Amino acid sequence: MTLQQLKYVITVAEKTSITEAAKDLYISQPNLSSAIKEVEKEANLTIFNRCRAGVALTTEGMEFLGYARQVVQQMELLESRYVDNRPEKIRFCVSTQHYTFAANAFVELVQRFGQERYEFILNETQTHQIIEDVRNRFSDCGILYLSQSNESVLRKSFDACGLDFYELFAAAPHVFLRREHPLASQRKIALEDLKPYPRLSFVQGAYESSNFAEELFSNEVVDKSIKISDRAAIVNFMIGLDGYTISSGIFPKYLHGDSIVSIPLKEKETMRIGYLLNKDRALSELGRIYIEALMQYQQEQA
């Protein structure tokens, strides 16, 4: 198989459509389909499942894609260094649950990096997708949390995908509210106190369960629930609808001024926030810088 064919596979996976990928690659759809079939035949596996809506990676395809990305990235580094005589282009990708401090730490990474050429990717996404992104080597590392309620299920997923979890810090659960919320003056809040208000949580798609939820106590029955996919939207709903969400309590104030407050939750539980790596992969230098920035936010909150 050729390097060009690997690039075809990567583009089709990103577009989830042979038609759209063909447009981006400036080749005909039949030629692209033929090239993909040649790779599948040579590798003796099915990379994509075809359907009317497009294509989706198979389990074997996800693993193949991870290795294909590494080969293409290494070739691009070689070309930059020895053909174009340009500084090598560094790539670093993090997939993370929707944490403000994770985004802020990423900004600090970019600021500290300082080289002329780079491709940095911050992918705020669903819990299951974080696991898949690290598994197929799209992401260098993944940021998520373990707790008493989700640890057994998530660790089985980690083991099945060949991943290790490294704990960074533990955080007590906090309730995020707008500063003028009726409960904002309380020193601590119980789950019972929150019942009249809308619970805000992040959509987890096909993995909509407490084991993959980004919020603690997501299995508690509530009358008002709003699920969203965007971190900025959750702040708007806190301010506009007196909604709340439960998270780590680490929330840099300068992003939203003093409009959002975090108040400790009375319930006993702990969020152990950490990062995922492939078992055969060590933390890179950029990864180390990023993790150091994450830890700084936790220390400032303590």
C-alpha atoms as a PDB file:
ATOM      1  CA  MET A   1       0.000   0.000   0.000  1.00  0.00           C
ATOM      2  CA  THR A   2       1.177   3.527  -0.702  1.00  0.00           C
ATOM      3  CA  LEU A   3       1.443   6.644   1.410  1.00  0.00           C
ATOM      4  CA  GLN A   4      -1.190   8.266  -0.796  1.00  0.00           C
ATOM      5  CA  GLN A   5      -3.608   5.431  -0.077  1.00  0.00           C
ATOM      6  CA  LEU A   6      -3.084   5.910   3.659  1.00  0.00           C
ATOM      7  CA  LYS A   7      -3.893   9.605   3.223  1.00  0.00           C
ATOM      8  CA  TYR A   8      -7.078   8.569   1.412  1.00  0.00           C
ATOM      9  CA  VAL A   9      -8.104   6.354   4.345  1.00  0.00           C
ATOM     10  CA  ILE A  10      -7.480   9.160   6.858  1.00  0.00           C
ATOM     11  CA  THR A  11      -9.513  11.683   4.846  1.00  0.00           C
ATOM     12  CA  VAL A  12     -12.456   9.293   4.407  1.00  0.00           C
ATOM     13  CA  ALA A  13     -12.422   8.571   8.158  1.00  0.00           C
ATOM     14  CA  GLU A  14     -12.471  12.286   8.971  1.00  0.00           C
ATOM     15  CA  LYS A  15     -15.254  13.088   6.486  1.00  0.00           C
ATOM     16  CA  THR A  16     -17.261   9.874   7.205  1.00  0.00           C
ATOM     17  CA  SER A  17     -18.181  10.050   3.527  1.00  0.00           C
ATOM     18  CA  ILE A  18     -16.380   8.873   0.394  1.00  0.00           C
ATOM     19  CA  THR A  19     -18.206  11.524  -1.627  1.00  0.00           C
ATOM     20  CA  GLU A  20     -17.045  14.397   0.611  1.00  0.00           C
ATOM     21  CA  ALA A  21     -13.545  12.968   0.889  1.00  0.00           C
ATOM     22  CA  ALA A  22     -13.285  12.733  -2.901  1.00  0.00           C
ATOM     23  CA  LYS A  23     -14.136  16.435  -3.183  1.00  0.00           C
ATOM     24  CA  ASP A  24     -11.397  17.351  -0.702  1.00  0.00           C
ATOM     25  CA  LEU A  25      -8.871  15.108  -2.423  1.00  0.00           C
ATOM     26  CA  TYR A  26      -9.791  16.289  -5.940  1.00  0.00           C
ATOM     27  CA  ILE A  27     -10.279  12.759  -7.264  1.00  0.00           C
ATOM     28  CA  SER A  28     -13.341  10.932  -8.514  1.00  0.00           C
ATOM     29  CA  GLN A  29     -15.507   8.986  -6.103  1.00  0.00           C
ATOM     30  CA  PRO A  30     -15.059   5.680  -8.035  1.00  0.00           C
ATOM     31  CA  ASN A  31     -11.267   6.056  -7.951  1.00  0.00           C
ATOM     32  CA  LEU A  32     -11.299   6.783  -4.221  1.00  0.00           C
ATOM     33  CA  SER A  33     -13.596   3.819  -3.526  1.00  0.00           C
ATOM     34  CA  SER A  34     -11.297   1.603  -5.554  1.00  0.00           C
ATOM     35  CA  ALA A  35      -8.221   2.811  -3.653  1.00  0.00           C
ATOM     36  CA  ILE A  36      -9.876   2.091  -0.299  1.00  0.00           C
ATOM     37  CA  LYS A  37     -10.874  -1.407  -1.448  1.00  0.00           C
ATOM     38  CA  GLU A  38      -7.273  -2.055  -2.532  1.00  0.00           C
ATOM     39  CA  VAL A  39      -5.997  -1.127   0.941  1.00  0.00           C
ATOM     40  CA  GLU A  40      -8.614  -3.342   2.599  1.00  0.00           C
ATOM     41  CA  LYS A  41      -7.683  -6.243   0.321  1.00  0.00           C
ATOM     42  CA  GLU A  42      -3.958  -5.853   0.927  1.00  0.00           C
ATOM     43  CA  ALA A  43      -4.399  -5.470   4.699  1.00  0.00           C
ATOM     44  CA  ASN A  44      -6.942  -8.331   4.730  1.00  0.00           C
ATOM     45  CA  LEU A  45      -9.456  -6.407   6.833  1.00  0.00           C
ATOM     46  CA  THR A  46     -12.554  -4.247   6.501  1.00  0.00           C
ATOM     47  CA  ILE A  47     -11.675  -0.664   7.402  1.00  0.00           C
ATOM     48  CA  PHE A  48     -15.090   0.906   6.765  1.00  0.00           C
ATOM     49  CA  ASN A  49     -18.673  -0.244   7.024  1.00  0.00           C
ATOM     50  CA  ARG A  50     -20.676   1.260   4.167  1.00  0.00           C
ATOM     51  CA  CYS A  51     -24.249   2.489   4.560  1.00  0.00           C
ATOM     52  CA  ARG A  52     -26.582   4.982   2.894  1.00  0.00           C
ATOM     53  CA  ALA A  53     -25.547   7.708   5.338  1.00  0.00           C
ATOM     54  CA  GLY A  54     -21.847   7.315   4.566  1.00  0.00           C
ATOM     55  CA  VAL A  55     -19.096   5.203   6.100  1.00  0.00           C
ATOM     56  CA  ALA A  56     -18.060   4.294   9.644  1.00  0.00           C
ATOM     57  CA  LEU A  57     -14.832   2.797  10.909  1.00  0.00           C
ATOM     58  CA  THR A  58     -14.901  -0.818  12.019  1.00  0.00           C
ATOM     59  CA  THR A  59     -13.107  -1.822  15.216  1.00  0.00           C
ATOM     60  CA  GLU A  60     -10.194  -3.111  13.129  1.00  0.00           C
ATOM     61  CA  GLY A  61     -10.387   0.053  11.036  1.00  0.00           C
ATOM     62  CA  MET A  62      -9.906   2.253  14.103  1.00  0.00           C
ATOM     63  CA  GLU A  63      -6.693   0.423  14.961  1.00  0.00           C
ATOM     64  CA  PHE A  64      -5.480   0.592  11.344  1.00  0.00           C
ATOM     65  CA  LEU A  65      -6.258   4.320  11.230  1.00  0.00           C
ATOM     66  CA  GLY A  66      -4.090   4.944  14.268  1.00  0.00           C
ATOM     67  CA  TYR A  67      -1.065   3.371  12.630  1.00  0.00           C
ATOM     68  CA  ALA A  68      -1.826   5.069   9.302  1.00  0.00           C
ATOM     69  CA  ARG A  69      -1.790   8.469  11.019  1.00  0.00           C
ATOM     70  CA  GLN A  70       1.621   7.741  12.561  1.00  0.00           C
ATOM     71  CA  VAL A  71       3.112   6.729   9.196  1.00  0.00           C
ATOM     72  CA  VAL A  72       1.757   9.823   7.417  1.00  0.00           C
ATOM     73  CA  GLN A  73       2.854  12.154  10.213  1.00  0.00           C
ATOM     74  CA  GLN A  74       6.361  10.719  10.231  1.00  0.00           C
ATOM     75  CA  MET A  75       6.619  11.132   6.456  1.00  0.00           C
ATOM     76  CA  GLU A  76       5.467  14.746   6.727  1.00  0.00           C
ATOM     77  CA  LEU A  77       8.204  15.352   9.306  1.00  0.00           C
ATOM     78  CA  LEU A  78      10.799  13.815   7.008  1.00  0.00           C
ATOM     79  CA  GLU A  79       9.657  15.908   4.064  1.00  0.00           C
ATOM     80  CA  SER A  80       9.718  19.098   6.119  1.00  0.00           C
ATOM     81  CA  ARG A  81      13.160  18.394   7.508  1.00  0.00           C
ATOM     82  CA  TYR A  82      15.011  17.007   4.507  1.00  0.00           C
ATOM     83  CA  VAL A  83      13.047  17.985   1.376  1.00  0.00           C
ATOM     84  CA  ASP A  84      11.565  21.391   2.150  1.00  0.00           C
ATOM     85  CA  ASN A  85      14.377  22.365   4.562  1.00  0.00           C
ATOM     86  CA  ARG A  86      11.767  23.792   6.906  1.00  0.00           C
ATOM     87  CA  PRO A  87      11.528  23.342  10.683  1.00  0.00           C
ATOM     88  CA  GLU A  88       9.595  20.190  11.435  1.00  0.00           C
ATOM     89  CA  LYS A  89       5.879  20.649  12.023  1.00  0.00           C
ATOM     90  CA  ILE A  90       4.959  19.332  15.467  1.00  0.00           C
ATOM     91  CA  ARG A  91       1.517  17.831  16.044  1.00  0.00           C
ATOM     92  CA  PHE A  92      -0.116  17.459  19.467  1.00  0.00           C
ATOM     93  CA  CYS A  93      -3.729  16.507  20.144  1.00  0.00           C
ATOM     94  CA  VAL A  94      -5.724  16.218  23.369  1.00  0.00           C
ATOM     95  CA  SER A  95      -9.232  14.794  23.647  1.00  0.00           C
ATOM     96  CA  THR A  96     -10.961  15.876  26.829  1.00  0.00           C
ATOM     97  CA  GLN A  97     -14.193  16.108  28.702  1.00  0.00           C
ATOM     98  CA  HIS A  98     -15.622  19.614  28.852  1.00  0.00           C
ATOM     99  CA  TYR A  99     -13.322  21.245  31.402  1.00  0.00           C
ATOM    100  CA  THR A 100     -12.476  24.942  31.288  1.00  0.00           C
ATOM    101  CA  PHE A 101      -9.140  24.292  32.982  1.00  0.00           C
ATOM    102  CA  ALA A 102      -8.243  21.755  30.268  1.00  0.00           C
ATOM    103  CA  ALA A 103      -8.816  24.399  27.593  1.00  0.00           C
ATOM    104  CA  ASN A 104      -6.832  27.011  29.536  1.00  0.00           C
ATOM    105  CA  ALA A 105      -3.909  24.617  30.000  1.00  0.00           C
ATOM    106  CA  PHE A 106      -3.935  24.029  26.240  1.00  0.00           C
ATOM    107  CA  VAL A 107      -3.630  27.774  25.616  1.00  0.00           C
ATOM    108  CA  GLU A 108      -0.610  27.857  27.913  1.00  0.00           C
ATOM    109  CA  LEU A 109       0.938  24.951  26.014  1.00  0.00           C
ATOM    110  CA  VAL A 110       0.636  26.845  22.723  1.00  0.00           C
ATOM    111  CA  GLN A 111       2.051  30.001  24.285  1.00  0.00           C
ATOM    112  CA  ARG A 112       5.057  28.176  25.743  1.00  0.00           C
ATOM    113  CA  PHE A 113       5.785  26.086  22.666  1.00  0.00           C
ATOM    114  CA  GLY A 114       7.135  28.899  20.531  1.00  0.00           C
ATOM    115  CA  GLN A 115       8.178  27.014  17.386  1.00  0.00           C
ATOM    116  CA  GLU A 116       7.401  28.294  13.923  1.00  0.00           C
ATOM    117  CA  ARG A 117       5.317  25.355  12.663  1.00  0.00           C
ATOM    118  CA  TYR A 118       2.810  23.235  14.579  1.00  0.00           C
ATOM    119  CA  GLU A 119      -0.599  21.622  14.472  1.00  0.00           C
ATOM    120  CA  PHE A 120      -2.352  21.602  17.837  1.00  0.00           C
ATOM    121  CA  ILE A 121      -5.790  20.028  18.339  1.00  0.00           C
ATOM    122  CA  LEU A 122      -8.047  20.317  21.387  1.00  0.00           C
ATOM    123  CA  ASN A 123     -11.051  18.032  21.011  1.00  0.00           C
ATOM    124  CA  GLU A 124     -13.734  18.548  23.669  1.00  0.00           C
ATOM    125  CA  THR A 125     -15.871  15.487  23.191  1.00  0.00           C
ATOM    126  CA  GLN A 126     -17.849  12.611  24.701  1.00  0.00           C
ATOM    127  CA  THR A 127     -16.271  10.208  27.182  1.00  0.00           C
ATOM    128  CA  HIS A 128     -16.391   7.179  24.885  1.00  0.00           C
ATOM    129  CA  GLN A 129     -14.896   9.213  22.031  1.00  0.00           C
ATOM    130  CA  ILE A 130     -11.962  10.234  24.241  1.00  0.00           C
ATOM    131  CA  ILE A 131     -11.183   6.565  24.794  1.00  0.00           C
ATOM    132  CA  GLU A 132     -11.454   5.850  21.060  1.00  0.00           C
ATOM    133  CA  ASP A 133      -9.336   8.887  20.105  1.00  0.00           C
ATOM    134  CA  VAL A 134      -6.464   7.735  22.319  1.00  0.00           C
ATOM    135  CA  ARG A 135      -6.905   4.130  21.268  1.00  0.00           C
ATOM    136  CA  ASN A 136      -6.619   4.873  17.552  1.00  0.00           C
ATOM    137  CA  ARG A 137      -3.804   7.363  18.205  1.00  0.00           C
ATOM    138  CA  PHE A 138      -5.659  10.369  16.900  1.00  0.00           C
ATOM    139  CA  SER A 139      -4.992  11.967  20.303  1.00  0.00           C
ATOM    140  CA  ASP A 140      -1.734  11.902  22.226  1.00  0.00           C
ATOM    141  CA  CYS A 141      -3.643  11.768  25.496  1.00  0.00           C
ATOM    142  CA  GLY A 142      -7.168  12.000  26.880  1.00  0.00           C
ATOM    143  CA  ILE A 143      -8.456  13.886  29.924  1.00  0.00           C
ATOM    144  CA  LEU A 144     -11.333  12.454  31.994  1.00  0.00           C
ATOM    145  CA  TYR A 145     -12.225  11.426  35.537  1.00  0.00           C
ATOM    146  CA  LEU A 146     -12.853   8.280  37.542  1.00  0.00           C
ATOM    147  CA  SER A 147     -15.146   7.959  40.547  1.00  0.00           C
ATOM    148  CA  GLN A 148     -16.555   5.175  42.710  1.00  0.00           C
ATOM    149  CA  SER A 149     -19.598   4.980  40.457  1.00  0.00           C
ATOM    150  CA  ASN A 150     -17.877   4.715  37.060  1.00  0.00           C
ATOM    151  CA  GLU A 151     -14.440   3.234  37.731  1.00  0.00           C
ATOM    152  CA  SER A 152     -15.191  -0.468  37.224  1.00  0.00           C
ATOM    153  CA  VAL A 153     -16.876   0.066  33.834  1.00  0.00           C
ATOM    154  CA  LEU A 154     -14.358   2.602  32.513  1.00  0.00           C
ATOM    155  CA  ARG A 155     -11.333   0.571  33.563  1.00  0.00           C
ATOM    156  CA  LYS A 156     -12.712  -2.384  31.603  1.00  0.00           C
ATOM    157  CA  SER A 157     -12.923  -0.083  28.579  1.00  0.00           C
ATOM    158  CA  PHE A 158      -9.355   1.139  29.178  1.00  0.00           C
ATOM    159  CA  ASP A 159      -8.027  -2.417  29.389  1.00  0.00           C
ATOM    160  CA  ALA A 160      -9.927  -3.523  26.275  1.00  0.00           C
ATOM    161  CA  CYS A 161      -8.406  -0.607  24.332  1.00  0.00           C
ATOM    162  CA  GLY A 162      -4.858  -1.039  25.653  1.00  0.00           C
ATOM    163  CA  LEU A 163      -4.861   2.192  27.655  1.00  0.00           C
ATOM    164  CA  ASP A 164      -3.463   3.246  31.034  1.00  0.00           C
ATOM    165  CA  PHE A 165      -5.009   5.884  33.319  1.00  0.00           C
ATOM    166  CA  TYR A 166      -2.725   8.198  35.290  1.00  0.00           C
ATOM    167  CA  GLU A 167      -4.352  10.124  38.103  1.00  0.00           C
ATOM    168  CA  LEU A 168      -3.389  13.793  38.411  1.00  0.00           C
ATOM    169  CA  PHE A 169      -5.485  15.036  41.313  1.00  0.00           C
ATOM    170  CA  ALA A 170      -8.669  14.411  43.251  1.00  0.00           C
ATOM    171  CA  ALA A 171     -11.442  16.986  43.526  1.00  0.00           C
ATOM    172  CA  ALA A 172     -14.532  17.130  45.685  1.00  0.00           C
ATOM    173  CA  PRO A 173     -17.748  17.625  43.690  1.00  0.00           C
ATOM    174  CA  HIS A 174     -19.047  21.182  43.387  1.00  0.00           C
ATOM    175  CA  VAL A 175     -22.228  22.712  42.039  1.00  0.00           C
ATOM    176  CA  PHE A 176     -21.806  25.403  39.389  1.00  0.00           C
ATOM    177  CA  LEU A 177     -24.428  28.188  39.525  1.00  0.00           C
ATOM    178  CA  ARG A 178     -24.868  31.778  38.457  1.00  0.00           C
ATOM    179  CA  ARG A 179     -23.879  34.204  41.187  1.00  0.00           C
ATOM    180  CA  GLU A 180     -27.480  35.454  41.658  1.00  0.00           C
ATOM    181  CA  HIS A 181     -28.944  31.929  41.878  1.00  0.00           C
ATOM    182  CA  PRO A 182     -31.288  31.358  44.869  1.00  0.00           C
ATOM    183  CA  LEU A 183     -28.849  28.745  46.235  1.00  0.00           C
ATOM    184  CA  ALA A 184     -25.689  30.764  45.652  1.00  0.00           C
ATOM    185  CA  SER A 185     -25.477  32.023  49.248  1.00  0.00           C
ATOM    186  CA  GLN A 186     -25.366  28.535  50.773  1.00  0.00           C
ATOM    187  CA  ARG A 187     -22.060  27.194  52.068  1.00  0.00           C
ATOM    188  CA  LYS A 188     -22.913  23.684  50.897  1.00  0.00           C
ATOM    189  CA  ILE A 189     -25.669  22.277  48.699  1.00  0.00           C
ATOM    190  CA  ALA A 190     -27.434  18.921  48.899  1.00  0.00           C
ATOM    191  CA  LEU A 191     -28.894  17.071  45.916  1.00  0.00           C
ATOM    192  CA  GLU A 192     -32.342  17.606  47.429  1.00  0.00           C
ATOM    193  CA  ASP A 193     -31.825  21.391  47.261  1.00  0.00           C
ATOM    194  CA  LEU A 194     -31.289  21.183  43.490  1.00  0.00           C
ATOM    195  CA  LYS A 195     -34.529  19.425  42.580  1.00  0.00           C
ATOM    196  CA  PRO A 196     -36.493  22.571  41.573  1.00  0.00           C
ATOM    197  CA  TYR A 197     -33.834  23.625  39.065  1.00  0.00           C
ATOM    198  CA  PRO A 198     -32.794  22.310  35.615  1.00  0.00           C
ATOM    199  CA  ARG A 199     -29.887  19.875  35.638  1.00  0.00           C
ATOM    200  CA  LEU A 200     -27.395  20.613  32.855  1.00  0.00           C
ATOM    201  CA  SER A 201     -25.325  17.769  31.439  1.00  0.00           C
ATOM    202  CA  PHE A 202     -23.280  16.968  28.376  1.00  0.00           C
ATOM    203  CA  VAL A 203     -24.659  14.635  25.718  1.00  0.00           C
ATOM    204  CA  GLN A 204     -22.919  11.243  25.523  1.00  0.00           C
ATOM    205  CA  GLY A 205     -24.669   9.914  22.429  1.00  0.00           C
ATOM    206  CA  ALA A 206     -25.022   6.129  22.285  1.00  0.00           C
ATOM    207  CA  TYR A 207     -23.222   5.895  25.642  1.00  0.00           C
ATOM    208  CA  GLU A 208     -25.811   7.874  27.618  1.00  0.00           C
ATOM    209  CA  SER A 209     -25.327   6.277  31.038  1.00  0.00           C
ATOM    210  CA  SER A 210     -23.984   7.255  34.435  1.00  0.00           C
ATOM    211  CA  ASN A 211     -20.776   5.327  33.704  1.00  0.00           C
ATOM    212  CA  PHE A 212     -19.883   7.631  30.801  1.00  0.00           C
ATOM    213  CA  ALA A 213     -21.433  10.836  32.153  1.00  0.00           C
ATOM    214  CA  GLU A 214     -19.230  13.856  32.771  1.00  0.00           C
ATOM    215  CA  GLU A 215     -21.280  14.807  35.830  1.00  0.00           C
ATOM    216  CA  LEU A 216     -21.444  12.977  39.143  1.00  0.00           C
ATOM    217  CA  PHE A 217     -24.835  11.698  40.354  1.00  0.00           C
ATOM    218  CA  SER A 218     -26.205  11.684  36.822  1.00  0.00           C
ATOM    219  CA  ASN A 219     -28.310   8.634  37.705  1.00  0.00           C
ATOM    220  CA  GLU A 220     -30.377  10.715  40.137  1.00  0.00           C
ATOM    221  CA  VAL A 221     -33.927  11.155  38.851  1.00  0.00           C
ATOM    222  CA  VAL A 222     -34.777  14.805  38.143  1.00  0.00           C
ATOM    223  CA  ASP A 223     -37.865  16.548  36.773  1.00  0.00           C
ATOM    224  CA  LYS A 224     -35.926  19.081  34.683  1.00  0.00           C
ATOM    225  CA  SER A 225     -33.015  18.041  32.518  1.00  0.00           C
ATOM    226  CA  ILE A 226     -31.203  19.829  29.688  1.00  0.00           C
ATOM    227  CA  LYS A 227     -28.516  18.014  27.697  1.00  0.00           C
ATOM    228  CA  ILE A 228     -26.100  19.983  25.555  1.00  0.00           C
ATOM    229  CA  SER A 229     -22.878  19.407  23.641  1.00  0.00           C
ATOM    230  CA  ASP A 230     -21.184  22.786  23.962  1.00  0.00           C
ATOM    231  CA  ARG A 231     -19.296  24.138  26.977  1.00  0.00           C
ATOM    232  CA  ALA A 232     -20.186  27.765  26.213  1.00  0.00           C
ATOM    233  CA  ALA A 233     -23.882  26.857  26.076  1.00  0.00           C
ATOM    234  CA  ILE A 234     -23.833  25.351  29.550  1.00  0.00           C
ATOM    235  CA  VAL A 235     -22.719  28.711  30.975  1.00  0.00           C
ATOM    236  CA  ASN A 236     -25.529  30.484  29.121  1.00  0.00           C
ATOM    237  CA  PHE A 237     -28.083  28.076  30.551  1.00  0.00           C
ATOM    238  CA  MET A 238     -26.720  28.584  34.061  1.00  0.00           C
ATOM    239  CA  ILE A 239     -27.135  32.323  33.708  1.00  0.00           C
ATOM    240  CA  GLY A 240     -30.400  32.396  31.777  1.00  0.00           C
ATOM    241  CA  LEU A 241     -32.349  29.475  33.274  1.00  0.00           C
ATOM    242  CA  ASP A 242     -30.968  29.044  36.801  1.00  0.00           C
ATOM    243  CA  GLY A 243     -29.584  25.713  35.673  1.00  0.00           C
ATOM    244  CA  TYR A 244     -26.798  23.894  37.465  1.00  0.00           C
ATOM    245  CA  THR A 245     -24.168  21.295  36.767  1.00  0.00           C
ATOM    246  CA  ILE A 246     -21.967  19.209  39.034  1.00  0.00           C
ATOM    247  CA  SER A 247     -18.236  19.070  38.367  1.00  0.00           C
ATOM    248  CA  SER A 248     -14.808  19.475  39.946  1.00  0.00           C
ATOM    249  CA  GLY A 249     -15.122  23.055  41.168  1.00  0.00           C
ATOM    250  CA  ILE A 250     -12.033  24.102  39.207  1.00  0.00           C
ATOM    251  CA  PHE A 251     -13.203  27.030  37.108  1.00  0.00           C
ATOM    252  CA  PRO A 252     -10.829  29.917  36.277  1.00  0.00           C
ATOM    253  CA  LYS A 253     -12.782  33.071  37.115  1.00  0.00           C
ATOM    254  CA  TYR A 254     -11.208  35.342  34.528  1.00  0.00           C
ATOM    255  CA  LEU A 255     -13.112  33.577  31.724  1.00  0.00           C
ATOM    256  CA  HIS A 256     -16.535  34.643  32.904  1.00  0.00           C
ATOM    257  CA  GLY A 257     -15.690  37.217  35.538  1.00  0.00           C
ATOM    258  CA  ASP A 258     -17.679  36.583  38.684  1.00  0.00           C
ATOM    259  CA  SER A 259     -20.853  35.460  36.902  1.00  0.00           C
ATOM    260  CA  ILE A 260     -20.397  31.780  37.851  1.00  0.00           C
ATOM    261  CA  VAL A 261     -19.716  30.395  41.331  1.00  0.00           C
ATOM    262  CA  SER A 262     -18.958  26.883  42.536  1.00  0.00           C
ATOM    263  CA  ILE A 263     -20.312  25.624  45.845  1.00  0.00           C
ATOM    264  CA  PRO A 264     -19.316  22.329  47.518  1.00  0.00           C
ATOM    265  CA  LEU A 265     -21.834  19.495  47.286  1.00  0.00           C
ATOM    266  CA  LYS A 266     -22.726  17.792  50.563  1.00  0.00           C
ATOM    267  CA  GLU A 267     -22.762  14.305  49.023  1.00  0.00           C
ATOM    268  CA  LYS A 268     -19.728  12.052  49.478  1.00  0.00           C
ATOM    269  CA  GLU A 269     -17.926  11.330  46.219  1.00  0.00           C
ATOM    270  CA  THR A 270     -14.607  12.208  44.620  1.00  0.00           C
ATOM    271  CA  MET A 271     -13.601  13.016  41.052  1.00  0.00           C
ATOM    272  CA  ARG A 272     -10.135  11.631  40.307  1.00  0.00           C
ATOM    273  CA  ILE A 273      -9.066  13.534  37.223  1.00  0.00           C
ATOM    274  CA  GLY A 274      -6.283  12.132  35.094  1.00  0.00           C
ATOM    275  CA  TYR A 275      -5.033  11.341  31.626  1.00  0.00           C
ATOM    276  CA  LEU A 276      -5.124   8.328  29.290  1.00  0.00           C
ATOM    277  CA  LEU A 277      -2.175   7.026  27.290  1.00  0.00           C
ATOM    278  CA  ASN A 278      -1.634   3.998  25.106  1.00  0.00           C
ATOM    279  CA  LYS A 279       0.180   1.315  27.086  1.00  0.00           C
ATOM    280  CA  ASP A 280       3.065   1.356  24.588  1.00  0.00           C
ATOM    281  CA  ARG A 281       3.388   5.136  24.580  1.00  0.00           C
ATOM    282  CA  ALA A 282       5.177   7.464  26.993  1.00  0.00           C
ATOM    283  CA  LEU A 283       4.126  11.026  27.701  1.00  0.00           C
ATOM    284  CA  SER A 284       5.800  13.302  25.158  1.00  0.00           C
ATOM    285  CA  GLU A 285       7.579  16.550  26.008  1.00  0.00           C
ATOM    286  CA  LEU A 286       4.534  18.524  24.865  1.00  0.00           C
ATOM    287  CA  GLY A 287       2.349  16.215  26.918  1.00  0.00           C
ATOM    288  CA  ARG A 288       4.499  16.895  29.971  1.00  0.00           C
ATOM    289  CA  ILE A 289       4.148  20.660  29.485  1.00  0.00           C
ATOM    290  CA  TYR A 290       0.383  20.281  29.130  1.00  0.00           C
ATOM    291  CA  ILE A 291       0.045  18.126  32.251  1.00  0.00           C
ATOM    292  CA  GLU A 292       2.133  20.606  34.237  1.00  0.00           C
ATOM    293  CA  ALA A 293      -0.260  23.382  33.190  1.00  0.00           C
ATOM    294  CA  LEU A 294      -3.247  21.258  34.259  1.00  0.00           C
ATOM    295  CA  MET A 295      -1.722  20.670  37.664  1.00  0.00           C
ATOM    296  CA  GLN A 296      -1.123  24.406  38.111  1.00  0.00           C
ATOM    297  CA  TYR A 297      -4.852  25.111  37.880  1.00  0.00           C
ATOM    298  CA  GLN A 298      -5.592  22.522  40.541  1.00  0.00           C
ATOM    299  CA  GLN A 299      -2.957  23.993  42.836  1.00  0.00           C
ATOM    300  CA  GLU A 300      -4.356  27.506  42.386  1.00  0.00           C
ATOM    301  CA  GLN A 301      -7.829  26.232  43.327  1.00  0.00           C
ATOM    302  CA  ALA A 302      -6.590  24.406  46.452  1.00  0.00           C
END
